């Protein structure tokens, strides 16, 4: 039976996705060039996996030769309240909107598998699902499928959901007509560029993650330079400034997926309590959330910086920021990482439309 694109789209909506688009499983020369330049300039920092298998990253057909089409899916995680509320609040740590809930990988993977099973039953053929766990350039694929465009903050922007979409893909051997790509609608706006606390968006449509607070609190393995540590304020995990100011968020709506409901205890985390957590307590509190993968010591390091920032108006000195034993240990014992797209550093491929 020939693949009915609109029937497949309806099936994806029935599985709980909020946005659906179709792209050819083919490479894009511009993506390959952008990735090569990004790595050559050293912008990937500690994210060594971005330098591996560049050809597969830029061409879905090389990743899985049977693939003919890619179904790109988006799941809305729009905030109910001001995403920047709580920034600079003494005594508590701020967490990116995307991390205040159940780990989106777990939620998306379940929905993707459900869609893949339905697709195989309805049309046959072969399928594979991906959600930020393989060398897939998810944001460029999503843009080619019409889910949105890559904004000046290097994240996907949707006319319907603004900057708040989790992304996943179903690769299929079925031939499905691609959707037209979305046109860039940023215009002359540069609010995201101007909002970046560290100037990491050093050029429009380009980011230097080595100055990005999301990268520094999620992916970076070592100490954080004094000037950047001061810019962290009380951020523990991620940064949403460039996403939150996007004018297209006026069309966004709060997430309605029950499994992605925000947890109040993750919105403002008491710094003193976090500093006292042992490993068992950390695992119990942050199980099945993105914060779990940062590791206790790394979060306690960020908490120590937040406490130092709150004590004085001038930038903290590194020695004081690392005064607590847990903070010092965090630098020496970074957590291991499996192969995946970067979570919060917003390079050419990415794993979410944006956030943290």
Protein backbone atom coordinates (compact mmCIF):
# COMPACT_ATOMS: atom_id res chain seq x y z
CA UNK A 1 0.00 0.00 0.00
CA UNK A 2 1.43 3.42 -0.93
CA UNK A 3 2.17 5.63 2.02
CA UNK A 4 -0.60 8.15 2.69
CA UNK A 5 1.19 11.18 4.13
CA UNK A 6 -1.87 12.78 5.68
CA UNK A 7 -2.94 9.49 7.25
CA UNK A 8 0.55 9.16 8.74
CA UNK A 9 0.39 12.74 9.98
CA UNK A 10 -2.96 12.01 11.65
CA UNK A 11 -1.47 8.86 13.16
CA UNK A 12 1.39 10.88 14.64
CA UNK A 13 -1.04 13.36 16.18
CA UNK A 14 -2.98 10.41 17.61
CA UNK A 15 0.25 9.24 19.27
CA UNK A 16 0.40 12.55 21.12
CA UNK A 17 2.79 14.62 19.01
CA UNK A 18 2.12 18.31 18.53
CA UNK A 19 4.01 18.90 15.27
CA UNK A 20 4.66 16.58 12.33
CA UNK A 21 6.73 17.11 9.20
CA UNK A 22 8.30 15.00 6.46
CA UNK A 23 11.76 15.23 4.91
CA UNK A 24 13.76 13.17 2.47
CA UNK A 25 16.45 10.96 4.01
CA UNK A 26 19.15 12.75 2.07
CA UNK A 27 22.18 14.79 2.93
CA UNK A 28 22.45 18.54 2.79
CA UNK A 29 25.72 20.11 1.72
CA UNK A 30 25.19 23.23 3.81
CA UNK A 31 24.75 21.14 6.97
CA UNK A 32 28.00 19.30 6.28
CA UNK A 33 29.87 22.57 5.69
CA UNK A 34 28.45 24.20 8.83
CA UNK A 35 29.37 21.23 10.99
CA UNK A 36 32.89 21.04 9.55
CA UNK A 37 33.49 24.74 10.18
CA UNK A 38 32.03 24.50 13.68
CA UNK A 39 34.40 21.69 14.64
CA UNK A 40 37.41 23.22 12.86
CA UNK A 41 36.97 26.40 14.91
CA UNK A 42 36.90 24.37 18.12
CA UNK A 43 33.43 25.61 18.99
CA UNK A 44 32.32 22.15 20.07
CA UNK A 45 34.47 22.43 23.21
CA UNK A 46 34.21 19.27 25.32
CA UNK A 47 31.55 17.76 23.04
CA UNK A 48 33.99 15.44 21.32
CA UNK A 49 31.25 13.30 19.80
CA UNK A 50 30.40 16.13 17.39
CA UNK A 51 33.71 15.56 15.62
CA UNK A 52 32.97 11.87 15.12
CA UNK A 53 31.27 10.49 12.02
CA UNK A 54 30.58 13.87 10.38
CA UNK A 55 29.42 12.28 7.12
CA UNK A 56 26.72 10.27 8.91
CA UNK A 57 25.60 13.34 10.82
CA UNK A 58 25.08 15.29 7.63
CA UNK A 59 23.41 12.50 5.63
CA UNK A 60 20.65 10.30 7.13
CA UNK A 61 21.10 7.78 4.32
CA UNK A 62 24.65 7.09 5.48
CA UNK A 63 23.45 6.57 9.04
CA UNK A 64 20.85 4.04 7.85
CA UNK A 65 21.03 3.18 4.12
CA UNK A 66 17.50 1.74 4.03
CA UNK A 67 16.01 5.10 4.96
CA UNK A 68 14.11 6.95 2.26
CA UNK A 69 12.09 9.35 4.39
CA UNK A 70 12.28 10.97 7.81
CA UNK A 71 9.19 11.77 9.84
CA UNK A 72 10.12 14.66 12.13
CA UNK A 73 8.09 15.01 15.30
CA UNK A 74 7.75 17.79 17.83
CA UNK A 75 6.36 17.67 21.36
CA UNK A 76 5.46 20.97 22.97
CA UNK A 77 7.01 21.80 26.35
CA UNK A 78 5.88 25.40 26.61
CA UNK A 79 6.08 26.89 30.12
CA UNK A 80 3.01 27.91 32.11
CA UNK A 81 4.79 30.84 33.75
CA UNK A 82 7.64 33.23 33.00
CA UNK A 83 10.60 30.92 32.25
CA UNK A 84 13.04 33.43 33.74
CA UNK A 85 11.22 33.77 37.07
CA UNK A 86 13.56 32.95 39.93
CA UNK A 87 16.73 34.14 38.24
CA UNK A 88 18.98 36.03 40.68
CA UNK A 89 16.85 34.88 43.64
CA UNK A 90 19.15 34.37 46.64
CA UNK A 91 19.28 30.97 48.27
CA UNK A 92 17.78 28.98 45.42
CA UNK A 93 19.08 27.58 42.16
CA UNK A 94 17.42 28.16 38.79
CA UNK A 95 16.88 25.30 36.32
CA UNK A 96 16.07 25.41 32.60
CA UNK A 97 12.42 24.90 31.71
CA UNK A 98 13.11 21.67 29.85
CA UNK A 99 14.74 20.06 32.90
CA UNK A 100 11.95 20.77 35.38
CA UNK A 101 10.14 17.60 34.41
CA UNK A 102 10.54 13.97 33.46
CA UNK A 103 13.42 13.34 31.06
CA UNK A 104 11.99 14.04 27.62
CA UNK A 105 14.00 11.20 26.07
CA UNK A 106 11.85 8.73 28.02
CA UNK A 107 8.59 10.38 27.00
CA UNK A 108 9.43 10.86 23.32
CA UNK A 109 10.96 7.42 22.85
CA UNK A 110 7.71 5.78 24.01
CA UNK A 111 5.64 7.85 21.59
CA UNK A 112 8.09 7.31 18.73
CA UNK A 113 7.98 3.54 19.21
CA UNK A 114 4.20 3.61 19.25
CA UNK A 115 4.15 5.52 15.96
CA UNK A 116 6.77 3.21 14.44
CA UNK A 117 4.74 0.11 15.35
CA UNK A 118 1.62 1.61 13.82
CA UNK A 119 3.52 2.62 10.68
CA UNK A 120 5.01 -0.86 10.22
CA UNK A 121 1.59 -2.45 10.71
CA UNK A 122 -0.18 -0.05 8.34
CA UNK A 123 2.37 0.06 5.52
CA UNK A 124 5.12 -2.46 6.17
CA UNK A 125 8.68 -1.45 5.50
CA UNK A 126 11.44 -0.84 8.01
CA UNK A 127 11.61 1.84 10.69
CA UNK A 128 14.09 3.23 13.20
CA UNK A 129 13.44 5.85 15.88
CA UNK A 130 15.82 8.50 17.20
CA UNK A 131 15.60 11.07 19.97
CA UNK A 132 18.89 12.83 20.65
CA UNK A 133 20.77 9.52 20.95
CA UNK A 134 22.52 9.09 17.59
CA UNK A 135 24.50 11.19 15.09
CA UNK A 136 21.38 12.88 13.71
CA UNK A 137 21.27 16.61 12.98
CA UNK A 138 17.78 17.00 14.35
CA UNK A 139 17.22 20.73 14.05
CA UNK A 140 18.23 20.99 10.37
CA UNK A 141 16.06 17.96 9.61
CA UNK A 142 13.14 19.51 11.45
CA UNK A 143 13.63 22.74 9.51
CA UNK A 144 13.68 20.88 6.18
CA UNK A 145 10.48 19.08 7.19
CA UNK A 146 8.66 22.36 7.79
CA UNK A 147 8.40 22.18 11.59
CA UNK A 148 10.07 25.58 11.85
CA UNK A 149 13.19 27.50 10.94
CA UNK A 150 16.58 27.88 12.61
CA UNK A 151 16.50 31.19 14.46
CA UNK A 152 19.33 33.59 15.16
CA UNK A 153 19.83 31.80 18.50
CA UNK A 154 20.53 28.62 16.45
CA UNK A 155 17.43 26.87 17.77
CA UNK A 156 14.31 25.82 15.93
CA UNK A 157 11.46 28.34 16.00
CA UNK A 158 7.88 27.26 15.31
CA UNK A 159 5.06 29.60 14.33
CA UNK A 160 2.71 27.58 16.56
CA UNK A 161 4.95 26.71 19.50
CA UNK A 162 7.70 29.31 19.52
CA UNK A 163 11.00 27.96 20.86
CA UNK A 164 9.53 25.16 22.96
CA UNK A 165 9.60 21.86 21.06
CA UNK A 166 11.27 18.57 21.90
CA UNK A 167 12.36 16.82 18.70
CA UNK A 168 12.41 13.18 17.62
CA UNK A 169 12.47 11.28 14.34
CA UNK A 170 11.19 8.12 12.70
CA UNK A 171 13.40 6.97 9.83
CA UNK A 172 11.49 4.78 7.39
CA UNK A 173 12.14 2.85 4.20
CA UNK A 174 8.84 4.19 2.85
CA UNK A 175 8.90 6.87 0.17
CA UNK A 176 6.89 9.81 1.53
CA UNK A 177 6.60 13.16 -0.22
CA UNK A 178 8.57 15.78 1.75
CA UNK A 179 6.88 18.84 3.18
CA UNK A 180 8.19 22.25 2.10
CA UNK A 181 10.69 23.82 4.50
CA UNK A 182 9.56 26.73 6.64
CA UNK A 183 10.77 30.18 5.66
CA UNK A 184 12.97 32.15 8.04
CA UNK A 185 10.72 34.61 9.86
CA UNK A 186 13.24 36.26 12.19
CA UNK A 187 13.45 39.37 10.03
CA UNK A 188 15.48 42.16 11.59
CA UNK A 189 14.78 41.00 15.16
CA UNK A 190 17.85 40.31 17.28
CA UNK A 191 16.34 40.04 20.76
CA UNK A 192 17.91 36.63 21.36
CA UNK A 193 21.35 37.88 20.34
CA UNK A 194 21.11 40.89 22.65
CA UNK A 195 19.71 38.84 25.55
CA UNK A 196 22.59 36.37 25.79
CA UNK A 197 24.29 37.01 29.17
CA UNK A 198 27.78 36.16 27.88
CA UNK A 199 27.72 37.18 24.21
CA UNK A 200 27.82 33.53 23.12
CA UNK A 201 25.72 34.45 20.08
CA UNK A 202 28.71 36.24 18.63
CA UNK A 203 27.13 36.35 15.20
CA UNK A 204 23.54 35.96 14.08
CA UNK A 205 22.75 32.29 13.42
CA UNK A 206 26.02 31.25 15.04
CA UNK A 207 26.91 30.35 18.61
CA UNK A 208 30.10 29.76 20.53
CA UNK A 209 29.02 27.15 23.11
CA UNK A 210 32.23 27.71 25.06
CA UNK A 211 30.60 30.92 26.31
CA UNK A 212 27.08 29.52 26.50
CA UNK A 213 25.76 29.04 30.04
CA UNK A 214 23.84 25.94 28.96
CA UNK A 215 27.02 24.34 27.70
CA UNK A 216 28.96 25.36 30.80
CA UNK A 217 26.41 23.86 33.20
CA UNK A 218 25.51 20.75 31.20
CA UNK A 219 28.32 19.67 28.88
CA UNK A 220 31.51 21.34 30.11
CA UNK A 221 33.78 19.09 32.17
CA UNK A 222 36.17 21.49 33.87
CA UNK A 223 36.17 24.66 35.90
CA UNK A 224 34.26 27.70 34.71
CA UNK A 225 36.21 30.91 34.07
CA UNK A 226 35.66 33.73 36.55
CA UNK A 227 33.82 36.09 34.20
CA UNK A 228 31.50 33.34 33.00
CA UNK A 229 30.92 32.09 36.54
CA UNK A 230 29.72 35.57 37.51
CA UNK A 231 27.28 35.52 34.59
CA UNK A 232 25.77 32.28 35.87
CA UNK A 233 24.06 34.12 38.72
CA UNK A 234 22.05 31.30 40.35
CA UNK A 235 21.72 29.05 37.30
CA UNK A 236 22.34 25.40 38.14
CA UNK A 237 21.45 23.72 34.86
CA UNK A 238 20.91 25.43 31.54
CA UNK A 239 19.93 28.91 30.41
CA UNK A 240 16.74 29.97 28.63
CA UNK A 241 17.38 33.68 28.08
CA UNK A 242 17.69 33.55 24.29
CA UNK A 243 14.59 31.35 24.02
CA UNK A 244 12.42 33.28 26.44
CA UNK A 245 12.73 36.63 24.65
CA UNK A 246 11.74 35.32 21.21
CA UNK A 247 8.63 37.22 19.98
CA UNK A 248 7.26 34.04 18.42
CA UNK A 249 6.64 32.69 21.91
CA UNK A 250 3.51 34.85 22.04
CA UNK A 251 1.88 32.05 20.05
CA UNK A 252 3.23 29.33 22.34
CA UNK A 253 0.97 27.41 24.68
CA UNK A 254 1.69 25.47 27.87
CA UNK A 255 2.58 21.81 27.51
CA UNK A 256 -0.42 19.52 27.86
CA UNK A 257 1.37 16.15 27.94
CA UNK A 258 0.81 14.82 31.50
CA UNK A 259 4.20 13.11 31.57
CA UNK A 260 5.86 16.46 30.90
CA UNK A 261 4.20 18.31 33.76
CA UNK A 262 6.67 20.61 35.52
CA UNK A 263 7.69 19.69 39.03
CA UNK A 264 7.48 22.56 41.49
CA UNK A 265 10.46 21.23 43.46
CA UNK A 266 12.68 21.57 40.38
CA UNK A 267 11.81 25.20 39.65
CA UNK A 268 13.63 26.63 42.67
CA UNK A 269 16.10 24.29 44.31
CA UNK A 270 17.36 25.36 47.77
CA UNK A 271 21.12 25.68 47.47
CA UNK A 272 21.86 24.65 51.05
CA UNK A 273 19.82 21.47 50.68
CA UNK A 274 21.51 20.63 47.39
CA UNK A 275 24.96 21.10 48.93
CA UNK A 276 24.10 18.55 51.65
CA UNK A 277 22.75 15.82 49.37
CA UNK A 278 24.62 12.53 49.37
CA UNK A 279 24.65 10.27 46.32
CA UNK A 280 21.62 8.24 47.38
CA UNK A 281 19.63 11.37 48.11
CA UNK A 282 20.61 12.90 44.79
CA UNK A 283 19.54 9.83 42.83
CA UNK A 284 16.22 9.64 44.64
CA UNK A 285 15.38 13.30 44.15
CA UNK A 286 16.43 13.65 40.51
CA UNK A 287 15.63 10.18 39.15
CA UNK A 288 14.30 10.21 35.57
CA UNK A 289 14.97 13.93 35.12
CA UNK A 290 17.61 15.64 32.96
CA UNK A 291 19.31 16.83 36.15
CA UNK A 292 20.21 13.26 36.99
CA UNK A 293 22.63 13.05 34.11
CA UNK A 294 24.57 16.12 35.23
CA UNK A 295 25.61 14.24 38.35
CA UNK A 296 25.54 15.30 41.97
CA UNK A 297 29.03 16.77 42.08
CA UNK A 298 28.53 18.91 39.00
CA UNK A 299 25.28 20.35 40.32
CA UNK A 300 26.92 21.02 43.68
CA UNK A 301 29.71 22.83 41.85
CA UNK A 302 27.12 25.06 40.16
CA UNK A 303 25.42 25.58 43.52
CA UNK A 304 28.73 26.68 45.06
CA UNK A 305 29.13 29.26 42.30
CA UNK A 306 25.56 30.46 42.84
CA UNK A 307 26.22 30.88 46.56
CA UNK A 308 29.41 32.81 45.85
CA UNK A 309 27.60 35.05 43.37
CA UNK A 310 24.92 35.83 45.95
CA UNK A 311 27.41 36.90 48.61
CA UNK A 312 28.83 39.89 46.77
CA UNK A 313 28.14 42.12 43.78
CA UNK A 314 31.55 41.59 42.19
CA UNK A 315 32.41 38.43 40.19
CA UNK A 316 33.38 35.48 42.39
CA UNK A 317 36.99 34.40 42.60
CA UNK A 318 37.53 30.86 41.46
CA UNK A 319 39.15 29.80 44.72
CA UNK A 320 36.10 30.90 46.68
CA UNK A 321 33.69 29.35 44.22
CA UNK A 322 35.50 26.05 44.67
CA UNK A 323 35.83 26.32 48.43
CA UNK A 324 33.42 23.49 49.19
CA UNK A 325 34.84 19.95 48.87
CA UNK A 326 31.95 18.83 46.67
CA UNK A 327 32.62 21.66 44.23
CA UNK A 328 36.31 20.82 44.00
CA UNK A 329 35.53 17.14 43.49
CA UNK A 330 33.08 17.92 40.72
CA UNK A 331 35.84 19.32 38.56
CA UNK A 332 37.95 16.22 39.00
CA UNK A 333 35.15 13.72 38.46
CA UNK A 334 32.91 14.66 35.51
CA UNK A 335 30.18 12.22 34.62
CA UNK A 336 30.57 9.94 31.60
CA UNK A 337 28.39 10.52 28.55
CA UNK A 338 27.08 8.21 25.91
CA UNK A 339 26.96 9.19 22.25
CA UNK A 340 24.17 11.68 21.74
CA UNK A 341 23.36 15.07 20.34
CA UNK A 342 24.21 17.93 22.69
CA UNK A 343 21.44 18.74 25.07
CA UNK A 344 21.78 22.38 25.79
CA UNK A 345 24.64 23.78 23.81
CA UNK A 346 22.80 24.50 20.60
CA UNK A 347 25.35 23.52 17.93
CA UNK A 348 24.48 22.92 14.26
CA UNK A 349 22.58 19.67 14.94
CA UNK A 350 21.20 19.81 18.42
CA UNK A 351 18.60 17.68 20.09
CA UNK A 352 15.76 20.02 20.98
CA UNK A 353 14.33 23.04 19.30
CA UNK A 354 15.85 24.94 22.15
CA UNK A 355 16.26 25.50 25.83
CA UNK A 356 18.77 25.04 28.48
